[in-house]
Amino acid sequence: MRLHTLAASLSQTVAWHRFDLGRHTAASQNWIAGLHNAQAAGDHDLGADLKEPEPAAAAATQSLLLARRIGAPRCVSLVDDLLPRFQPYARAQGVPELLQLAAA
């Protein structure tokens, strides 16, 4: 479990870095890997650090689009599980679009 926690944290850090560089597809891949590792570690909050909801919404949107495009229902489910954490930030940039995409 400790290895999964470390892998989740590292994946999340790399995802933010790639997002900041404008590499959104690569960021979403790391975001999904982080979510998988956080789930394996039993740490459901690790992948949902929404202190900055705008980049988190963008990464989640890209993750959801990619997961749907490649037909990865488990990844779609992981993003869906994060949606309640975005509700308090419903007016933040990108969040309404994410919630609308997820509802479609």
N, C-alpha and C. Protein backbone atom coordinates (compact mmCIF):
# COMPACT_ATOMS: atom_id res chain seq x y z
N MET A 1 0.81 -1.19 0.00
CA MET A 1 0.00 0.00 0.00
C MET A 1 0.85 1.25 0.00
N ARG A 2 1.95 1.23 0.69
CA ARG A 2 2.80 2.41 0.75
C ARG A 2 3.38 2.75 -0.62
N LEU A 3 3.72 1.71 -1.40
CA LEU A 3 4.23 1.92 -2.75
C LEU A 3 3.15 2.58 -3.63
N HIS A 4 1.91 2.14 -3.49
CA HIS A 4 0.82 2.74 -4.26
C HIS A 4 0.61 4.20 -3.88
N THR A 5 0.73 4.51 -2.61
CA THR A 5 0.59 5.90 -2.16
C THR A 5 1.68 6.77 -2.76
N LEU A 6 2.91 6.26 -2.75
CA LEU A 6 4.03 7.00 -3.34
C LEU A 6 3.83 7.18 -4.84
N ALA A 7 3.42 6.11 -5.52
CA ALA A 7 3.18 6.18 -6.97
C ALA A 7 2.05 7.17 -7.28
N ALA A 8 1.01 7.18 -6.48
CA ALA A 8 -0.10 8.11 -6.69
C ALA A 8 0.36 9.55 -6.53
N SER A 9 1.13 9.80 -5.50
CA SER A 9 1.62 11.15 -5.24
C SER A 9 2.55 11.61 -6.36
N LEU A 10 3.44 10.74 -6.79
CA LEU A 10 4.35 11.08 -7.88
C LEU A 10 3.59 11.33 -9.17
N SER A 11 2.62 10.48 -9.47
CA SER A 11 1.81 10.65 -10.68
C SER A 11 1.07 11.98 -10.66
N GLN A 12 0.55 12.34 -9.50
CA GLN A 12 -0.16 13.60 -9.37
C GLN A 12 0.78 14.78 -9.61
N THR A 13 1.97 14.72 -9.06
CA THR A 13 2.95 15.79 -9.24
C THR A 13 3.33 15.94 -10.70
N VAL A 14 3.60 14.82 -11.36
CA VAL A 14 3.95 14.85 -12.78
C VAL A 14 2.77 15.37 -13.61
N ALA A 15 1.56 14.98 -13.24
CA ALA A 15 0.38 15.46 -13.97
C ALA A 15 0.27 16.98 -13.90
N TRP A 16 0.46 17.54 -12.71
CA TRP A 16 0.39 19.00 -12.58
C TRP A 16 1.49 19.66 -13.40
N HIS A 17 2.67 19.09 -13.36
CA HIS A 17 3.79 19.64 -14.12
C HIS A 17 3.47 19.64 -15.62
N ARG A 18 2.98 18.51 -16.12
CA ARG A 18 2.64 18.42 -17.54
C ARG A 18 1.48 19.34 -17.89
N PHE A 19 0.53 19.47 -16.98
CA PHE A 19 -0.58 20.39 -17.23
C PHE A 19 -0.05 21.81 -17.36
N ASP A 20 0.84 22.20 -16.45
CA ASP A 20 1.41 23.54 -16.50
C ASP A 20 2.19 23.80 -17.78
N LEU A 21 2.75 22.75 -18.37
CA LEU A 21 3.48 22.87 -19.63
C LEU A 21 2.55 22.84 -20.85
N GLY A 22 1.25 22.68 -20.60
CA GLY A 22 0.29 22.63 -21.70
C GLY A 22 0.15 21.27 -22.33
N ARG A 23 0.70 20.26 -21.70
CA ARG A 23 0.63 18.89 -22.23
C ARG A 23 -0.54 18.18 -21.55
N HIS A 24 -1.74 18.56 -21.91
CA HIS A 24 -2.94 18.11 -21.22
C HIS A 24 -3.22 16.62 -21.39
N THR A 25 -2.96 16.07 -22.57
CA THR A 25 -3.19 14.64 -22.76
C THR A 25 -2.24 13.83 -21.87
N ALA A 26 -0.98 14.22 -21.86
CA ALA A 26 -0.01 13.52 -21.01
C ALA A 26 -0.38 13.70 -19.53
N ALA A 27 -0.85 14.90 -19.17
CA ALA A 27 -1.26 15.15 -17.79
C ALA A 27 -2.41 14.24 -17.40
N SER A 28 -3.36 14.08 -18.32
CA SER A 28 -4.52 13.24 -17.99
C SER A 28 -4.10 11.78 -17.80
N GLN A 29 -3.11 11.33 -18.55
CA GLN A 29 -2.63 9.95 -18.39
C GLN A 29 -2.00 9.77 -17.00
N ASN A 30 -1.23 10.76 -16.57
CA ASN A 30 -0.65 10.69 -15.23
C ASN A 30 -1.71 10.82 -14.16
N TRP A 31 -2.70 11.67 -14.41
CA TRP A 31 -3.80 11.84 -13.46
C TRP A 31 -4.52 10.51 -13.25
N ILE A 32 -4.82 9.82 -14.35
CA ILE A 32 -5.50 8.53 -14.26
C ILE A 32 -4.63 7.51 -13.53
N ALA A 33 -3.34 7.49 -13.84
CA ALA A 33 -2.43 6.57 -13.13
C ALA A 33 -2.43 6.87 -11.64
N GLY A 34 -2.42 8.15 -11.30
CA GLY A 34 -2.47 8.52 -9.89
C GLY A 34 -3.75 8.08 -9.21
N LEU A 35 -4.86 8.22 -9.93
CA LEU A 35 -6.14 7.79 -9.37
C LEU A 35 -6.16 6.28 -9.14
N HIS A 36 -5.63 5.53 -10.09
CA HIS A 36 -5.57 4.07 -9.94
C HIS A 36 -4.73 3.69 -8.72
N ASN A 37 -3.58 4.33 -8.57
CA ASN A 37 -2.71 4.01 -7.44
C ASN A 37 -3.31 4.46 -6.12
N ALA A 38 -3.97 5.61 -6.12
CA ALA A 38 -4.62 6.06 -4.88
C ALA A 38 -5.72 5.09 -4.48
N GLN A 39 -6.47 4.61 -5.47
CA GLN A 39 -7.52 3.64 -5.18
C GLN A 39 -6.92 2.35 -4.63
N ALA A 40 -5.82 1.89 -5.26
CA ALA A 40 -5.17 0.66 -4.80
C ALA A 40 -4.65 0.82 -3.37
N ALA A 41 -4.24 2.04 -3.03
CA ALA A 41 -3.73 2.30 -1.68
C ALA A 41 -4.86 2.51 -0.67
N GLY A 42 -6.08 2.64 -1.19
CA GLY A 42 -7.21 2.90 -0.30
C GLY A 42 -7.29 4.36 0.13
N ASP A 43 -6.56 5.24 -0.56
CA ASP A 43 -6.54 6.66 -0.23
C ASP A 43 -7.34 7.42 -1.28
N HIS A 44 -8.63 7.58 -1.02
CA HIS A 44 -9.52 8.19 -2.00
C HIS A 44 -9.38 9.70 -2.08
N ASP A 45 -8.72 10.30 -1.12
CA ASP A 45 -8.54 11.75 -1.14
C ASP A 45 -7.28 12.19 -1.87
N LEU A 46 -6.34 11.30 -2.02
CA LEU A 46 -5.05 11.67 -2.61
C LEU A 46 -5.22 12.22 -4.02
N GLY A 47 -6.04 11.58 -4.83
CA GLY A 47 -6.22 12.02 -6.20
C GLY A 47 -7.18 13.17 -6.36
N ALA A 48 -7.75 13.62 -5.29
CA ALA A 48 -8.79 14.65 -5.39
C ALA A 48 -8.39 15.93 -4.66
N ASP A 49 -7.16 16.33 -4.83
CA ASP A 49 -6.69 17.56 -4.20
C ASP A 49 -7.21 18.74 -5.00
N LEU A 50 -8.26 19.36 -4.51
CA LEU A 50 -8.91 20.43 -5.26
C LEU A 50 -8.68 21.79 -4.65
N LYS A 51 -7.50 22.02 -4.11
CA LYS A 51 -7.19 23.35 -3.61
C LYS A 51 -7.11 24.33 -4.77
N GLU A 52 -6.79 23.81 -5.96
CA GLU A 52 -6.80 24.59 -7.19
C GLU A 52 -7.77 23.91 -8.14
N PRO A 53 -9.05 24.26 -8.07
CA PRO A 53 -10.05 23.52 -8.85
C PRO A 53 -9.93 23.69 -10.36
N GLU A 54 -9.38 24.81 -10.83
CA GLU A 54 -9.31 25.04 -12.27
C GLU A 54 -8.42 24.01 -12.97
N PRO A 55 -7.16 23.83 -12.55
CA PRO A 55 -6.36 22.80 -13.22
C PRO A 55 -6.87 21.39 -12.96
N ALA A 56 -7.45 21.18 -11.78
CA ALA A 56 -8.00 19.85 -11.48
C ALA A 56 -9.18 19.56 -12.41
N ALA A 57 -10.02 20.56 -12.66
CA ALA A 57 -11.16 20.37 -13.56
C ALA A 57 -10.68 20.13 -14.98
N ALA A 58 -9.65 20.86 -15.39
CA ALA A 58 -9.12 20.66 -16.74
C ALA A 58 -8.53 19.26 -16.90
N ALA A 59 -7.78 18.82 -15.89
CA ALA A 59 -7.19 17.47 -15.96
C ALA A 59 -8.28 16.40 -15.92
N ALA A 60 -9.29 16.60 -15.10
CA ALA A 60 -10.39 15.63 -15.02
C ALA A 60 -11.18 15.60 -16.33
N THR A 61 -11.37 16.77 -16.94
CA THR A 61 -12.07 16.82 -18.22
C THR A 61 -11.28 16.06 -19.28
N GLN A 62 -9.99 16.32 -19.35
CA GLN A 62 -9.15 15.62 -20.33
C GLN A 62 -9.13 14.12 -20.05
N SER A 63 -9.08 13.76 -18.79
CA SER A 63 -9.10 12.34 -18.42
C SER A 63 -10.40 11.68 -18.85
N LEU A 64 -11.50 12.37 -18.62
CA LEU A 64 -12.81 11.83 -18.98
C LEU A 64 -12.94 11.68 -20.49
N LEU A 65 -12.50 12.70 -21.23
CA LEU A 65 -12.57 12.63 -22.69
C LEU A 65 -11.71 11.48 -23.22
N LEU A 66 -10.50 11.36 -22.69
CA LEU A 66 -9.62 10.28 -23.13
C LEU A 66 -10.19 8.92 -22.77
N ALA A 67 -10.69 8.78 -21.57
CA ALA A 67 -11.25 7.49 -21.13
C ALA A 67 -12.44 7.09 -21.99
N ARG A 68 -13.27 8.05 -22.33
CA ARG A 68 -14.41 7.74 -23.20
C ARG A 68 -13.95 7.39 -24.61
N ARG A 69 -12.96 8.12 -25.10
CA ARG A 69 -12.48 7.89 -26.46
C ARG A 69 -11.86 6.51 -26.62
N ILE A 70 -11.10 6.06 -25.63
CA ILE A 70 -10.44 4.76 -25.75
C ILE A 70 -11.28 3.62 -25.18
N GLY A 71 -12.46 3.96 -24.66
CA GLY A 71 -13.34 2.93 -24.13
C GLY A 71 -12.83 2.31 -22.85
N ALA A 72 -12.56 3.17 -21.87
CA ALA A 72 -12.03 2.72 -20.58
C ALA A 72 -13.05 3.03 -19.48
N PRO A 73 -14.06 2.17 -19.32
CA PRO A 73 -15.13 2.47 -18.36
C PRO A 73 -14.64 2.60 -16.92
N ARG A 74 -13.61 1.89 -16.55
CA ARG A 74 -13.11 2.00 -15.17
C ARG A 74 -12.53 3.39 -14.93
N CYS A 75 -11.85 3.93 -15.93
CA CYS A 75 -11.31 5.29 -15.79
C CYS A 75 -12.43 6.32 -15.74
N VAL A 76 -13.46 6.11 -16.56
CA VAL A 76 -14.63 6.99 -16.51
C VAL A 76 -15.22 6.96 -15.11
N SER A 77 -15.31 5.78 -14.55
CA SER A 77 -15.86 5.61 -13.21
C SER A 77 -15.01 6.34 -12.17
N LEU A 78 -13.70 6.31 -12.31
CA LEU A 78 -12.82 7.01 -11.37
C LEU A 78 -13.06 8.52 -11.41
N VAL A 79 -13.20 9.05 -12.61
CA VAL A 79 -13.48 10.49 -12.74
C VAL A 79 -14.87 10.79 -12.16
N ASP A 80 -15.83 9.95 -12.48
CA ASP A 80 -17.18 10.15 -11.94
C ASP A 80 -17.18 10.18 -10.41
N ASP A 81 -16.34 9.36 -9.81
CA ASP A 81 -16.25 9.32 -8.34
C ASP A 81 -15.72 10.63 -7.77
N LEU A 82 -14.98 11.39 -8.57
CA LEU A 82 -14.42 12.66 -8.11
C LEU A 82 -15.41 13.82 -8.22
N LEU A 83 -16.44 13.67 -9.03
CA LEU A 83 -17.34 14.79 -9.32
C LEU A 83 -17.94 15.46 -8.10
N PRO A 84 -18.35 14.73 -7.05
CA PRO A 84 -18.89 15.42 -5.88
C PRO A 84 -17.91 16.41 -5.25
N ARG A 85 -16.64 16.15 -5.39
CA ARG A 85 -15.64 17.06 -4.81
C ARG A 85 -15.55 18.38 -5.58
N PHE A 86 -16.08 18.41 -6.80
CA PHE A 86 -16.09 19.64 -7.58
C PHE A 86 -17.31 20.51 -7.29
N GLN A 87 -18.35 19.97 -6.68
CA GLN A 87 -19.59 20.71 -6.45
C GLN A 87 -19.37 22.04 -5.72
N PRO A 88 -18.54 22.10 -4.68
CA PRO A 88 -18.34 23.38 -4.01
C PRO A 88 -17.67 24.44 -4.89
N TYR A 89 -17.09 24.00 -6.00
CA TYR A 89 -16.37 24.91 -6.90
C TYR A 89 -17.13 25.08 -8.22
N ALA A 90 -18.43 24.97 -8.18
CA ALA A 90 -19.25 24.97 -9.39
C ALA A 90 -19.08 26.22 -10.25
N ARG A 91 -18.58 27.29 -9.67
CA ARG A 91 -18.39 28.53 -10.44
C ARG A 91 -16.95 28.73 -10.89
N ALA A 92 -16.06 27.83 -10.52
CA ALA A 92 -14.66 27.96 -10.92
C ALA A 92 -14.50 27.62 -12.39
N GLN A 93 -13.53 28.24 -13.01
CA GLN A 93 -13.30 28.02 -14.44
C GLN A 93 -13.12 26.53 -14.75
N GLY A 94 -13.87 26.05 -15.70
CA GLY A 94 -13.75 24.67 -16.15
C GLY A 94 -14.64 23.68 -15.43
N VAL A 95 -15.07 24.01 -14.24
CA VAL A 95 -15.88 23.07 -13.45
C VAL A 95 -17.27 22.88 -14.05
N PRO A 96 -17.98 23.95 -14.44
CA PRO A 96 -19.29 23.72 -15.04
C PRO A 96 -19.22 22.85 -16.29
N GLU A 97 -18.17 23.06 -17.09
CA GLU A 97 -18.01 22.28 -18.30
C GLU A 97 -17.76 20.81 -17.98
N LEU A 98 -16.96 20.55 -16.96
CA LEU A 98 -16.70 19.17 -16.53
C LEU A 98 -17.98 18.51 -16.07
N LEU A 99 -18.73 19.19 -15.23
CA LEU A 99 -19.97 18.61 -14.71
C LEU A 99 -20.98 18.35 -15.83
N GLN A 100 -21.03 19.26 -16.79
CA GLN A 100 -21.94 19.07 -17.93
C GLN A 100 -21.49 17.90 -18.79
N LEU A 101 -20.20 17.80 -19.05
CA LEU A 101 -19.66 16.68 -19.83
C LEU A 101 -19.94 15.36 -19.14
N ALA A 102 -19.75 15.32 -17.85
CA ALA A 102 -19.98 14.08 -17.10
C ALA A 102 -21.45 13.67 -17.11
N ALA A 103 -22.34 14.66 -17.14
CA ALA A 103 -23.77 14.36 -17.14
C ALA A 103 -24.26 13.89 -18.50
N ALA A 104 -23.50 14.20 -19.54
CA ALA A 104 -23.93 13.84 -20.92
C ALA A 104 -23.74 12.35 -21.20
